[in-house]
Structures are given as C-alpha cells and as structure tokens.
C-alpha atoms as a PDB file:
ATOM      1  CA  MET A   1      35.171  10.031  17.991  1.00  0.00           C
ATOM      2  CA  GLN A   2      32.887   7.047  18.500  1.00  0.00           C
ATOM      3  CA  GLU A   3      34.084   3.718  17.074  1.00  0.00           C
ATOM      4  CA  PRO A   4      31.906   0.844  15.938  1.00  0.00           C
ATOM      5  CA  LEU A   5      31.677  -2.369  17.918  1.00  0.00           C
ATOM      6  CA  PHE A   6      32.911  -4.050  14.711  1.00  0.00           C
ATOM      7  CA  ARG A   7      33.696  -3.258  11.141  1.00  0.00           C
ATOM      8  CA  LYS A   8      33.553  -6.041   8.583  1.00  0.00           C
ATOM      9  CA  GLU A   9      34.363  -5.650   4.845  1.00  0.00           C
ATOM     10  CA  PHE A  10      32.915  -8.148   2.365  1.00  0.00           C
ATOM     11  CA  ASP A  11      33.905  -8.596  -1.195  1.00  0.00           C
ATOM     12  CA  ALA A  12      30.558  -8.832  -2.850  1.00  0.00           C
ATOM     13  CA  GLU A  13      31.588 -11.556  -5.396  1.00  0.00           C
ATOM     14  CA  VAL A  14      33.163 -13.707  -2.689  1.00  0.00           C
ATOM     15  CA  LEU A  15      30.296 -13.107  -0.316  1.00  0.00           C
ATOM     16  CA  LEU A  16      27.621 -14.385  -2.627  1.00  0.00           C
ATOM     17  CA  LYS A  17      29.686 -17.415  -3.610  1.00  0.00           C
ATOM     18  CA  GLN A  18      30.567 -18.434  -0.023  1.00  0.00           C
ATOM     19  CA  HIS A  19      27.361 -17.345   1.688  1.00  0.00           C
ATOM     20  CA  PRO A  20      24.414 -17.443  -0.666  1.00  0.00           C
ATOM     21  CA  PRO A  21      21.043 -16.406   0.785  1.00  0.00           C
ATOM     22  CA  GLN A  22      18.953 -19.185   2.305  1.00  0.00           C
ATOM     23  CA  PHE A  23      15.271 -19.095   1.186  1.00  0.00           C
ATOM     24  CA  GLN A  24      12.381 -20.988   2.710  1.00  0.00           C
ATOM     25  CA  HIS A  25       9.735 -19.698   0.233  1.00  0.00           C
ATOM     26  CA  SER A  26       9.692 -20.398  -3.491  1.00  0.00           C
ATOM     27  CA  HIS A  27       8.713 -16.777  -4.391  1.00  0.00           C
ATOM     28  CA  LYS A  28      11.897 -15.546  -2.774  1.00  0.00           C
ATOM     29  CA  THR A  29      13.985 -18.161  -4.612  1.00  0.00           C
ATOM     30  CA  ALA A  30      12.463 -17.116  -7.949  1.00  0.00           C
ATOM     31  CA  LEU A  31      13.166 -13.454  -7.274  1.00  0.00           C
ATOM     32  CA  PHE A  32      16.845 -14.267  -6.422  1.00  0.00           C
ATOM     33  CA  GLU A  33      17.179 -16.176  -9.664  1.00  0.00           C
ATOM     34  CA  LEU A  34      15.811 -13.235 -11.561  1.00  0.00           C
ATOM     35  CA  ALA A  35      18.344 -10.979  -9.849  1.00  0.00           C
ATOM     36  CA  TYR A  36      21.312 -13.198 -10.483  1.00  0.00           C
ATOM     37  CA  PRO A  37      20.519 -15.493 -13.388  1.00  0.00           C
ATOM     38  CA  ASP A  38      24.207 -16.131 -14.021  1.00  0.00           C
ATOM     39  CA  GLY A  39      25.356 -15.877 -10.402  1.00  0.00           C
ATOM     40  CA  LYS A  40      27.560 -12.800 -11.234  1.00  0.00           C
ATOM     41  CA  VAL A  41      27.817  -9.872  -8.892  1.00  0.00           C
ATOM     42  CA  PHE A  42      28.888  -6.347  -9.755  1.00  0.00           C
ATOM     43  CA  PRO A  43      32.403  -5.991  -8.265  1.00  0.00           C
ATOM     44  CA  ASN A  44      32.039  -4.098  -5.012  1.00  0.00           C
ATOM     45  CA  SER A  45      33.022  -3.962  -1.336  1.00  0.00           C
ATOM     46  CA  ILE A  46      30.252  -3.978   1.282  1.00  0.00           C
ATOM     47  CA  CYS A  47      31.088  -2.442   4.631  1.00  0.00           C
ATOM     48  CA  VAL A  48      29.172  -3.564   7.741  1.00  0.00           C
ATOM     49  CA  THR A  49      29.407  -1.771  11.138  1.00  0.00           C
ATOM     50  CA  ARG A  50      27.567  -2.278  14.437  1.00  0.00           C
ATOM     51  CA  TRP A  51      27.332   0.632  16.944  1.00  0.00           C
ATOM     52  CA  SER A  52      26.845   0.752  20.613  1.00  0.00           C
ATOM     53  CA  GLN A  53      24.204   3.210  21.933  1.00  0.00           C
ATOM     54  CA  ALA A  54      25.821   6.545  22.664  1.00  0.00           C
ATOM     55  CA  VAL A  55      24.008   9.803  23.444  1.00  0.00           C
ATOM     56  CA  PRO A  56      25.614  13.030  24.820  1.00  0.00           C
ATOM     57  CA  GLU A  57      24.588  14.425  28.170  1.00  0.00           C
ATOM     58  CA  MET A  58      23.307  17.587  26.599  1.00  0.00           C
ATOM     59  CA  LEU A  59      21.500  17.796  23.189  1.00  0.00           C
ATOM     60  CA  SER A  60      21.690  20.759  20.853  1.00  0.00           C
ATOM     61  CA  PHE A  61      18.971  21.616  18.387  1.00  0.00           C
ATOM     62  CA  SER A  62      20.641  24.733  17.011  1.00  0.00           C
ATOM     63  CA  THR A  63      21.683  23.211  13.690  1.00  0.00           C
ATOM     64  CA  PRO A  64      18.870  23.423  11.106  1.00  0.00           C
ATOM     65  CA  ILE A  65      17.691  20.309   9.297  1.00  0.00           C
ATOM     66  CA  LYS A  66      15.841  20.249   5.909  1.00  0.00           C
ATOM     67  CA  VAL A  67      12.729  17.988   6.120  1.00  0.00           C
ATOM     68  CA  ASP A  68      10.947  16.891   2.970  1.00  0.00           C
ATOM     69  CA  LEU A  69       7.798  14.749   2.592  1.00  0.00           C
ATOM     70  CA  ARG A  70       6.731  12.419  -0.194  1.00  0.00           C
ATOM     71  CA  PRO A  71       3.448  10.511  -0.540  1.00  0.00           C
ATOM     72  CA  ASP A  72       5.375   7.436  -1.731  1.00  0.00           C
ATOM     73  CA  PHE A  73       7.723   4.617  -0.629  1.00  0.00           C
ATOM     74  CA  TYR A  74      11.380   4.228  -1.091  1.00  0.00           C
ATOM     75  CA  ASP A  75      12.479   4.430  -4.718  1.00  0.00           C
ATOM     76  CA  TYR A  76      16.213   4.712  -3.877  1.00  0.00           C
ATOM     77  CA  LYS A  77      16.718   7.551  -6.405  1.00  0.00           C
ATOM     78  CA  PRO A  78      19.395   9.955  -5.199  1.00  0.00           C
ATOM     79  CA  ILE A  79      18.052  13.461  -4.416  1.00  0.00           C
ATOM     80  CA  GLY A  80      21.193  15.517  -4.154  1.00  0.00           C
ATOM     81  CA  PRO A  81      24.894  15.705  -3.334  1.00  0.00           C
ATOM     82  CA  GLY A  82      26.442  13.804  -0.397  1.00  0.00           C
ATOM     83  CA  THR A  83      25.770  10.405   1.078  1.00  0.00           C
ATOM     84  CA  GLU A  84      22.219   9.050   1.416  1.00  0.00           C
ATOM     85  CA  TRP A  85      20.911   6.428   3.816  1.00  0.00           C
ATOM     86  CA  HIS A  86      17.768   4.516   3.989  1.00  0.00           C
ATOM     87  CA  VAL A  87      16.359   3.338   7.302  1.00  0.00           C
ATOM     88  CA  ASN A  88      15.774  -0.423   7.523  1.00  0.00           C
ATOM     89  CA  PHE A  89      12.900  -1.038   9.977  1.00  0.00           C
ATOM     90  CA  ALA A  90      14.899  -3.861  11.513  1.00  0.00           C
ATOM     91  CA  ASP A  91      13.962  -6.740  13.683  1.00  0.00           C
ATOM     92  CA  PRO A  92      16.191  -7.088  16.766  1.00  0.00           C
ATOM     93  CA  ARG A  93      17.731  -9.922  14.765  1.00  0.00           C
ATOM     94  CA  LEU A  94      19.071  -8.417  11.532  1.00  0.00           C
ATOM     95  CA  PHE A  95      17.161  -9.706   8.417  1.00  0.00           C
ATOM     96  CA  VAL A  96      15.924 -12.684  10.407  1.00  0.00           C
ATOM     97  CA  ALA A  97      12.879 -13.404   8.181  1.00  0.00           C
ATOM     98  CA  TYR A  98      14.313 -12.445   4.830  1.00  0.00           C
ATOM     99  CA  GLY A  99      13.880 -15.957   3.400  1.00  0.00           C
ATOM    100  CA  SER A 100      10.441 -16.557   4.706  1.00  0.00           C
ATOM    101  CA  ARG A 101       6.963 -15.911   3.322  1.00  0.00           C
ATOM    102  CA  LEU A 102       6.819 -12.600   5.057  1.00  0.00           C
ATOM    103  CA  PHE A 103       7.058  -9.347   2.941  1.00  0.00           C
ATOM    104  CA  ALA A 104       7.051  -6.294   5.132  1.00  0.00           C
ATOM    105  CA  GLN A 105       9.524  -3.416   4.701  1.00  0.00           C
ATOM    106  CA  ASP A 106      12.520  -5.412   6.037  1.00  0.00           C
ATOM    107  CA  GLU A 107      11.939  -8.429   3.834  1.00  0.00           C
ATOM    108  CA  MET A 108      11.151  -6.358   0.797  1.00  0.00           C
ATOM    109  CA  GLN A 109      14.510  -4.490   1.092  1.00  0.00           C
ATOM    110  CA  VAL A 110      16.329  -7.802   1.127  1.00  0.00           C
ATOM    111  CA  ALA A 111      14.404  -9.089  -1.849  1.00  0.00           C
ATOM    112  CA  GLU A 112      15.465  -5.946  -3.776  1.00  0.00           C
ATOM    113  CA  HIS A 113      18.961  -6.021  -2.422  1.00  0.00           C
ATOM    114  CA  PRO A 114      19.619  -9.850  -2.219  1.00  0.00           C
ATOM    115  CA  LEU A 115      23.186  -9.510  -0.929  1.00  0.00           C
ATOM    116  CA  LEU A 116      21.663  -8.365   2.398  1.00  0.00           C
ATOM    117  CA  GLY A 117      20.759 -11.960   2.914  1.00  0.00           C
ATOM    118  CA  SER A 118      24.311 -12.966   2.206  1.00  0.00           C
ATOM    119  CA  VAL A 119      25.548 -10.393   4.645  1.00  0.00           C
ATOM    120  CA  ARG A 120      23.486 -11.929   7.462  1.00  0.00           C
ATOM    121  CA  GLU A 121      24.846 -15.413   6.554  1.00  0.00           C
ATOM    122  CA  GLY A 122      28.365 -14.150   6.339  1.00  0.00           C
ATOM    123  CA  LEU A 123      28.231 -12.311   9.671  1.00  0.00           C
ATOM    124  CA  LEU A 124      26.858 -15.415  11.407  1.00  0.00           C
ATOM    125  CA  ALA A 125      29.508 -17.662   9.769  1.00  0.00           C
ATOM    126  CA  SER A 126      32.267 -15.254  10.901  1.00  0.00           C
ATOM    127  CA  GLY A 127      31.046 -15.106  14.523  1.00  0.00           C
ATOM    128  CA  PHE A 128      29.841 -11.505  14.440  1.00  0.00           C
ATOM    129  CA  SER A 129      26.712 -10.458  16.198  1.00  0.00           C
ATOM    130  CA  VAL A 130      23.624  -9.751  14.062  1.00  0.00           C
ATOM    131  CA  GLU A 131      21.607  -8.219  16.946  1.00  0.00           C
ATOM    132  CA  THR A 132      20.364  -4.729  16.497  1.00  0.00           C
ATOM    133  CA  THR A 133      19.578  -4.488  20.239  1.00  0.00           C
ATOM    134  CA  GLU A 134      21.544  -5.704  23.213  1.00  0.00           C
ATOM    135  CA  GLY A 135      19.555  -5.900  26.424  1.00  0.00           C
ATOM    136  CA  GLU A 136      17.830  -2.560  26.982  1.00  0.00           C
ATOM    137  CA  ILE A 137      19.921  -0.634  24.464  1.00  0.00           C
ATOM    138  CA  GLY A 138      19.926  -0.230  20.667  1.00  0.00           C
ATOM    139  CA  THR A 139      22.929  -1.398  18.574  1.00  0.00           C
ATOM    140  CA  PRO A 140      22.110  -0.239  15.003  1.00  0.00           C
ATOM    141  CA  ILE A 141      23.886  -1.915  12.169  1.00  0.00           C
ATOM    142  CA  LEU A 142      24.923   0.108   9.139  1.00  0.00           C
ATOM    143  CA  LEU A 143      25.567  -1.354   5.740  1.00  0.00           C
ATOM    144  CA  ARG A 144      27.305   0.670   2.912  1.00  0.00           C
ATOM    145  CA  ASN A 145      27.534  -0.053  -0.802  1.00  0.00           C
ATOM    146  CA  VAL A 146      24.799  -2.757  -1.240  1.00  0.00           C
ATOM    147  CA  GLU A 147      23.657  -3.212  -4.834  1.00  0.00           C
ATOM    148  CA  ARG A 148      19.997  -3.015  -5.600  1.00  0.00           C
ATOM    149  CA  ARG A 149      19.175  -5.682  -8.244  1.00  0.00           C
ATOM    150  CA  LEU A 150      15.333  -5.607  -8.304  1.00  0.00           C
ATOM    151  CA  ALA A 151      12.527  -3.168  -8.237  1.00  0.00           C
ATOM    152  CA  ILE A 152       9.257  -4.751  -6.998  1.00  0.00           C
ATOM    153  CA  SER A 153       5.944  -2.956  -7.413  1.00  0.00           C
ATOM    154  CA  THR A 154       3.835  -3.764  -4.350  1.00  0.00           C
ATOM    155  CA  HIS A 155       1.059  -1.088  -4.745  1.00  0.00           C
ATOM    156  CA  PRO A 156      -2.473  -2.209  -5.576  1.00  0.00           C
ATOM    157  CA  ASP A 157      -3.067  -2.421  -9.331  1.00  0.00           C
ATOM    158  CA  PRO A 158      -5.941  -4.578 -10.578  1.00  0.00           C
ATOM    159  CA  ASN A 159      -4.742  -4.260 -14.159  1.00  0.00           C
ATOM    160  CA  ALA A 160      -1.455  -5.925 -13.140  1.00  0.00           C
ATOM    161  CA  GLY A 161      -3.173  -8.745 -11.340  1.00  0.00           C
ATOM    162  CA  ARG A 162      -2.550  -7.408  -7.852  1.00  0.00           C
ATOM    163  CA  PRO A 163      -5.850  -5.740  -6.780  1.00  0.00           C
ATOM    164  CA  TYR A 164      -4.704  -5.642  -3.120  1.00  0.00           C
ATOM    165  CA  GLY A 165      -0.938  -5.200  -3.767  1.00  0.00           C
ATOM    166  CA  LEU A 166       1.870  -7.511  -2.783  1.00  0.00           C
ATOM    167  CA  TYR A 167       2.893  -6.004   0.571  1.00  0.00           C
ATOM    168  CA  GLY A 168       2.883  -8.093   3.617  1.00  0.00           C
ATOM    169  CA  ASN A 169       0.917 -11.338   3.571  1.00  0.00           C
ATOM    170  CA  ARG A 170      -0.345 -10.589   0.135  1.00  0.00           C
ATOM    171  CA  PHE A 171       3.054 -11.489  -1.330  1.00  0.00           C
ATOM    172  CA  ALA A 172       2.955 -15.197  -0.470  1.00  0.00           C
ATOM    173  CA  GLN A 173      -0.795 -15.429  -1.304  1.00  0.00           C
ATOM    174  CA  SER A 174      -0.198 -14.085  -4.852  1.00  0.00           C
ATOM    175  CA  PRO A 175       0.628 -16.381  -7.850  1.00  0.00           C
ATOM    176  CA  LEU A 176       4.343 -16.499  -8.736  1.00  0.00           C
ATOM    177  CA  ASP A 177       3.702 -15.185 -12.221  1.00  0.00           C
ATOM    178  CA  ILE A 178       2.101 -12.016 -10.823  1.00  0.00           C
ATOM    179  CA  VAL A 179       5.070 -11.521  -8.462  1.00  0.00           C
ATOM    180  CA  LEU A 180       7.563 -11.870 -11.356  1.00  0.00           C
ATOM    181  CA  GLN A 181       5.433  -9.587 -13.661  1.00  0.00           C
ATOM    182  CA  SER A 182       5.542  -7.025 -10.886  1.00  0.00           C
ATOM    183  CA  THR A 183       9.364  -7.129 -10.715  1.00  0.00           C
ATOM    184  CA  ARG A 184      11.981  -5.411 -12.806  1.00  0.00           C
ATOM    185  CA  ARG A 185      15.712  -6.308 -12.920  1.00  0.00           C
ATOM    186  CA  ILE A 186      18.002  -3.339 -12.455  1.00  0.00           C
ATOM    187  CA  GLU A 187      20.971  -3.317 -14.783  1.00  0.00           C
ATOM    188  CA  PRO A 188      23.470  -2.002 -13.990  1.00  0.00           C
ATOM    189  CA  PRO A 189      22.619  -2.201 -10.261  1.00  0.00           C
ATOM    190  CA  THR A 190      22.343   0.963  -8.188  1.00  0.00           C
ATOM    191  CA  ILE A 191      23.888   1.278  -4.687  1.00  0.00           C
ATOM    192  CA  THR A 192      22.111   1.728  -1.358  1.00  0.00           C
ATOM    193  CA  ASN A 193      23.309   2.532   2.143  1.00  0.00           C
ATOM    194  CA  PHE A 194      21.231   1.225   5.064  1.00  0.00           C
ATOM    195  CA  ILE A 195      20.680   2.097   8.808  1.00  0.00           C
ATOM    196  CA  ALA A 196      19.250  -1.015  10.290  1.00  0.00           C
ATOM    197  CA  MET A 197      17.677  -0.177  13.662  1.00  0.00           C
ATOM    198  CA  ALA A 198      14.958  -1.850  15.697  1.00  0.00           C
ATOM    199  CA  ALA A 199      12.042   0.023  17.283  1.00  0.00           C
ATOM    200  CA  PRO A 200      10.326  -1.262  20.400  1.00  0.00           C
ATOM    201  CA  SER A 201       7.386  -3.584  19.687  1.00  0.00           C
ATOM    202  CA  TYR A 202       3.904  -4.614  20.833  1.00  0.00           C
ATOM    203  CA  GLY A 203       3.526  -2.103  23.647  1.00  0.00           C
ATOM    204  CA  ARG A 204       0.222  -1.123  25.314  1.00  0.00           C
ATOM    205  CA  GLY A 205      -1.255   2.072  26.729  1.00  0.00           C
ATOM    206  CA  GLU A 206       0.902   5.207  27.057  1.00  0.00           C
ATOM    207  CA  TYR A 207       4.575   5.044  26.129  1.00  0.00           C
ATOM    208  CA  SER A 208       6.747   4.833  29.255  1.00  0.00           C
ATOM    209  CA  ARG A 209       9.732   7.118  29.683  1.00  0.00           C
ATOM    210  CA  GLN A 210      12.031   4.089  29.302  1.00  0.00           C
ATOM    211  CA  GLU A 211      10.477   3.351  25.903  1.00  0.00           C
ATOM    212  CA  ILE A 212      10.726   6.876  24.680  1.00  0.00           C
ATOM    213  CA  GLU A 213      14.358   7.064  25.734  1.00  0.00           C
ATOM    214  CA  PHE A 214      15.095   3.809  23.946  1.00  0.00           C
ATOM    215  CA  ILE A 215      13.533   5.124  20.764  1.00  0.00           C
ATOM    216  CA  PHE A 216      15.442   8.440  20.822  1.00  0.00           C
ATOM    217  CA  ALA A 217      18.796   6.838  21.815  1.00  0.00           C
ATOM    218  CA  THR A 218      18.563   4.242  19.119  1.00  0.00           C
ATOM    219  CA  ALA A 219      17.710   6.740  16.401  1.00  0.00           C
ATOM    220  CA  TYR A 220      20.381   9.180  17.534  1.00  0.00           C
ATOM    221  CA  THR A 221      22.995   6.449  17.583  1.00  0.00           C
ATOM    222  CA  GLY A 222      22.060   5.264  14.048  1.00  0.00           C
ATOM    223  CA  PHE A 223      21.989   8.739  12.595  1.00  0.00           C
ATOM    224  CA  SER A 224      25.297   9.777  14.298  1.00  0.00           C
ATOM    225  CA  ALA A 225      26.929   6.632  12.964  1.00  0.00           C
ATOM    226  CA  ALA A 226      25.660   7.428   9.480  1.00  0.00           C
ATOM    227  CA  ILE A 227      27.354  10.908   9.634  1.00  0.00           C
ATOM    228  CA  LEU A 228      30.652   9.200  10.658  1.00  0.00           C
ATOM    229  CA  GLU A 229      30.381   6.606   7.949  1.00  0.00           C
ATOM    230  CA  SER A 230      29.459   9.228   5.349  1.00  0.00           C
ATOM    231  CA  LYS A 231      32.794  10.894   6.020  1.00  0.00           C
ATOM    232  CA  THR A 232      34.549   7.655   4.956  1.00  0.00           C
ATOM    233  CA  SER A 233      32.750   7.551   1.586  1.00  0.00           C
ATOM    234  CA  ALA A 234      34.210   8.799  -1.687  1.00  0.00           C
ATOM    235  CA  GLU A 235      31.637  11.628  -1.863  1.00  0.00           C
ATOM    236  CA  THR A 236      33.234  15.095  -2.042  1.00  0.00           C
ATOM    237  CA  SER A 237      30.220  16.617  -0.259  1.00  0.00           C
ATOM    238  CA  GLN A 238      29.889  15.817   3.447  1.00  0.00           C
ATOM    239  CA  ARG A 239      26.142  16.321   3.303  1.00  0.00           C
ATOM    240  CA  THR A 240      24.200  13.405   4.906  1.00  0.00           C
ATOM    241  CA  THR A 241      20.625  12.639   3.976  1.00  0.00           C
ATOM    242  CA  VAL A 242      18.353  10.053   5.716  1.00  0.00           C
ATOM    243  CA  HIS A 243      15.363   8.516   4.035  1.00  0.00           C
ATOM    244  CA  THR A 244      12.854   7.099   6.455  1.00  0.00           C
ATOM    245  CA  GLY A 245       9.164   6.600   7.170  1.00  0.00           C
ATOM    246  CA  PHE A 246       6.925   5.131   9.808  1.00  0.00           C
ATOM    247  CA  TRP A 247       9.695   3.295  11.598  1.00  0.00           C
ATOM    248  CA  GLY A 248       8.256   0.652  13.960  1.00  0.00           C
ATOM    249  CA  CYS A 249       4.588   1.459  13.051  1.00  0.00           C
ATOM    250  CA  GLY A 250       3.664  -1.575  11.032  1.00  0.00           C
ATOM    251  CA  ALA A 251       3.754  -4.975  12.650  1.00  0.00           C
ATOM    252  CA  PHE A 252       5.248  -3.497  15.789  1.00  0.00           C
ATOM    253  CA  GLY A 253       2.289  -1.209  16.446  1.00  0.00           C
ATOM    254  CA  GLY A 254       4.148   2.030  17.075  1.00  0.00           C
ATOM    255  CA  ASN A 255       2.510   5.473  17.228  1.00  0.00           C
ATOM    256  CA  ARG A 256       3.081   7.277  13.941  1.00  0.00           C
ATOM    257  CA  THR A 257       3.133  10.779  15.402  1.00  0.00           C
ATOM    258  CA  LEU A 258       5.626   9.913  18.131  1.00  0.00           C
ATOM    259  CA  MET A 259       7.899   7.911  15.845  1.00  0.00           C
ATOM    260  CA  VAL A 260       8.093  10.743  13.297  1.00  0.00           C
ATOM    261  CA  ALA A 261       8.740  13.357  16.027  1.00  0.00           C
ATOM    262  CA  ILE A 262      11.479  11.327  17.743  1.00  0.00           C
ATOM    263  CA  GLN A 263      13.283  10.640  14.431  1.00  0.00           C
ATOM    264  CA  VAL A 264      13.253  14.335  13.544  1.00  0.00           C
ATOM    265  CA  LEU A 265      14.582  15.341  17.001  1.00  0.00           C
ATOM    266  CA  ALA A 266      17.258  12.615  16.932  1.00  0.00           C
ATOM    267  CA  ALA A 267      18.383  13.629  13.396  1.00  0.00           C
ATOM    268  CA  LYS A 268      18.551  17.225  14.308  1.00  0.00           C
ATOM    269  CA  ALA A 269      20.531  16.574  17.445  1.00  0.00           C
ATOM    270  CA  ALA A 270      22.843  14.265  15.394  1.00  0.00           C
ATOM    271  CA  GLN A 271      23.270  17.133  12.788  1.00  0.00           C
ATOM    272  CA  ILE A 272      21.816  15.226   9.889  1.00  0.00           C
ATOM    273  CA  ASN A 273      21.519  17.694   6.973  1.00  0.00           C
ATOM    274  CA  GLN A 274      18.297  16.423   5.424  1.00  0.00           C
ATOM    275  CA  MET A 275      15.473  13.941   6.138  1.00  0.00           C
ATOM    276  CA  MET A 276      13.131  12.571   3.455  1.00  0.00           C
ATOM    277  CA  PHE A 277       9.971  11.105   4.920  1.00  0.00           C
ATOM    278  CA  HIS A 278       8.291   8.660   2.611  1.00  0.00           C
ATOM    279  CA  ALA A 279       4.730   8.631   3.837  1.00  0.00           C
ATOM    280  CA  GLY A 280       3.141   6.235   1.405  1.00  0.00           C
ATOM    281  CA  ASP A 281      -0.004   8.149   0.718  1.00  0.00           C
ATOM    282  CA  GLU A 282      -1.975  11.329   1.570  1.00  0.00           C
ATOM    283  CA  ASP A 283      -3.151   9.874   4.943  1.00  0.00           C
ATOM    284  CA  GLY A 284       0.496   9.213   5.706  1.00  0.00           C
ATOM    285  CA  MET A 285       1.385  12.754   4.758  1.00  0.00           C
ATOM    286  CA  ARG A 286      -1.067  14.003   7.350  1.00  0.00           C
ATOM    287  CA  ASP A 287       0.442  11.710   9.977  1.00  0.00           C
ATOM    288  CA  VAL A 288       3.980  12.918   9.160  1.00  0.00           C
ATOM    289  CA  ARG A 289       2.833  16.543   9.512  1.00  0.00           C
ATOM    290  CA  ARG A 290       1.391  15.788  12.927  1.00  0.00           C
ATOM    291  CA  GLY A 291       4.727  14.259  13.899  1.00  0.00           C
ATOM    292  CA  LEU A 292       6.579  17.341  12.633  1.00  0.00           C
ATOM    293  CA  ASP A 293       4.235  19.572  14.719  1.00  0.00           C
ATOM    294  CA  ALA A 294       4.911  17.371  17.752  1.00  0.00           C
ATOM    295  CA  ALA A 295       8.626  17.699  17.226  1.00  0.00           C
ATOM    296  CA  GLU A 296       8.362  21.483  17.121  1.00  0.00           C
ATOM    297  CA  THR A 297       6.408  21.433  20.332  1.00  0.00           C
ATOM    298  CA  ILE A 298       8.871  19.177  22.144  1.00  0.00           C
ATOM    299  CA  GLU A 299      11.774  21.244  20.890  1.00  0.00           C
ATOM    300  CA  PHE A 300      10.157  24.495  21.999  1.00  0.00           C
ATOM    301  CA  ARG A 301       9.532  23.154  25.437  1.00  0.00           C
ATOM    302  CA  CYS A 302      13.105  21.813  25.710  1.00  0.00           C
ATOM    303  CA  GLY A 303      14.768  24.948  24.337  1.00  0.00           C
ATOM    304  CA  PRO A 304      17.820  25.077  22.047  1.00  0.00           C
ATOM    305  CA  ALA A 305      19.812  22.714  24.379  1.00  0.00           C
ATOM    306  CA  CYS A 306      18.526  20.210  26.896  1.00  0.00           C
ATOM    307  CA  SER A 307      19.331  16.842  28.487  1.00  0.00           C
ATOM    308  CA  VAL A 308      17.947  13.560  27.333  1.00  0.00           C
ATOM    309  CA  ASP A 309      16.020  13.318  30.543  1.00  0.00           C
ATOM    310  CA  ALA A 310      14.335  16.668  29.812  1.00  0.00           C
ATOM    311  CA  LEU A 311      13.450  15.628  26.271  1.00  0.00           C
ATOM    312  CA  VAL A 312      12.029  12.348  27.422  1.00  0.00           C
ATOM    313  CA  ALA A 313       9.966  14.169  30.102  1.00  0.00           C
ATOM    314  CA  GLN A 314       8.541  16.677  27.688  1.00  0.00           C
ATOM    315  CA  THR A 315       7.710  13.950  25.260  1.00  0.00           C
ATOM    316  CA  SER A 316       6.117  11.777  27.923  1.00  0.00           C
ATOM    317  CA  GLU A 317       3.898  14.693  28.990  1.00  0.00           C
ATOM    318  CA  MET A 318       2.214  14.643  25.549  1.00  0.00           C
ATOM    319  CA  GLY A 319       0.670  11.288  26.379  1.00  0.00           C
ATOM    320  CA  PHE A 320       1.451   9.278  23.271  1.00  0.00           C
ATOM    321  CA  ARG A 321      -0.280   5.873  23.165  1.00  0.00           C
ATOM    322  CA  TRP A 322       0.678   2.674  21.403  1.00  0.00           C
ATOM    323  CA  GLY A 323      -1.165   1.626  18.297  1.00  0.00           C
ATOM    324  CA  VAL A 324      -2.060  -1.786  17.032  1.00  0.00           C
ATOM    325  CA  GLY A 325       0.090  -3.843  14.658  1.00  0.00           C
ATOM    326  CA  ASP A 326      -1.022  -4.219  11.055  1.00  0.00           C
ATOM    327  CA  GLY A 327      -0.594  -7.980  10.992  1.00  0.00           C
ATOM    328  CA  ASN A 328       2.214  -7.901   8.487  1.00  0.00           C
END
C-alpha cells in the first residue's frame, strides 16, 4: 500500500492560535474577522498528507464509475454516504496567493475555509514541503476535516450590487460592503476534504505526450490517495466521491475537453466510486459532455486494460490544443 511522503496532524484550535493566516488585502482580513469574530475554532483535528506520483504499469477500466453533472459551482453539500473530496485547483505552491487580492477558485476556497491559510503557515513553520509538484512529477496534497466558516456568493447579481460577480479580479475591485453583504457565516461549520493538485500551465499548441502523462499521473495519484485516506475516516461506508470541475482551465489556460476526459479516466482507473462535475453553467455542461465523450473514445481505443503509454498515445492522437488563460 502506498504511503504518503508525510502525514501531519494539526489541532485546529492550536493551529489558528500559533499560525494565523497572513493577509495582504483588506477584503481578506475582513472576511477572516467575519469567520472568527471571537477567534474561537470548532474543536477538530486536521490531517494533511503529501503524496509522491505513483501509477501502475497497467491500468484497468473495468470498475464502473458514476458520473453526475451540475450547472453550478461547489456548494459543499454532501450527496450521499461515504467520504467526499473536493479538488482544489492548486498552484504548484500550496495556497500561495491566499492572502492576496486574487480570488480564483484556490483563493476562494481558502476564504471560505480560513484554516487552509493556517495550514500553509503551519507546514512552512514545521519545515514541511508545500509544493504540489516536484520537478516533472505531481505531488498532490490532501487535507481532511477542514471547517468551512463562510459561504461567499460570487455569481453576478445586479440587485446585490455585484453586476459582474465577485470572482477573480472583480473581488478586489468591489467595495468591501458588497463583499460582506455577499457573504454568510456558517454556524456550526461544515467539514470539507480537499485534493490539492496542480495542473500544467500556460502551454501552447497541441498538448505534448509529456504534458498528457503529467496530467493523468497527477490526477490518478490524487484520486488514489483520496481512496486510501477515505479508509481512515470514521465513515462506515467505504464509498469515495470526488467533486471537481474544469481543473487547470482558468488562469492556466487548459483545454476543458481534455481536462474533463483525463480526470474521468484517472478516477475510473483509481476506482473512485462517483464523480460530481460542477460545470458552472449550461455552456460548461456542454463542455463536460464533450469531455465525457472524449473519455469514452479513449477508453474504447485502449480497451479494458492498457498501459499508461498506450493511454497517452491514444489521447495524443486526438490532437487536443491548449486554450488561453482567463486572466484570473
């Protein structure tokens, strides 16, 4: 059985006291004060693990996986028995911009789960690596039992004073009172598990075989680690669900069809039971469906079992091309 590169347990109350998040933007500071007005944390233990890339010589796609689509974004509401995980579209440096003016998916997750900022500070202070890649390989970081203290509405709503929403650069451009009016404190807090994994970024032209292999191996490693960590949870059901979306397709400029297809194939090979794709809107739903069709085509060409080299070759032959970053 694969073992993590490290396993670190944090007492949530001690963590926040000894390693409070460090903010460089006043909006982030105000959100944190809304989350913890009295500085008190729900008693809890946060488990952090970092995993080395590991993929078997032969992949099997014989185990079925349930794939659902939603035209929304993460709401963190549980959908069934077992352990649920949410993919964090990580930077190669875990939560590196959480305190800045930026507000893409990564930074939004930290704003709603402020202890993620403390985890980064605590890992650095303890001498642990916060890199989600190492050289040419992925090293996903998993975080269990992190409390969600805020729910922030980022969708466009002229009646709420955010005609263009709060996502990305709109966050820092919006008045603080609009940001606070768009935020709800969660009491008692809910609990979220994360798979923080970094996609490749800013490529051009057709994806190379090396890039495709990196994407698959990173996703497979993160999903396999989630299954192993799920077995250590208190859940009686061993069912593992992964919530995800267009991983690496925002600022990094990834191809939506490819990134959906690779995630499905990696999850199926890792024997994840269920995937929930949060597509954002109806256009996103169409993109996810294209990705699911591409995954079926690749799997059909590979057969019920194939090597990683064969999967990469079949994917490469489909000629996926890089997109353009969204500026967020």
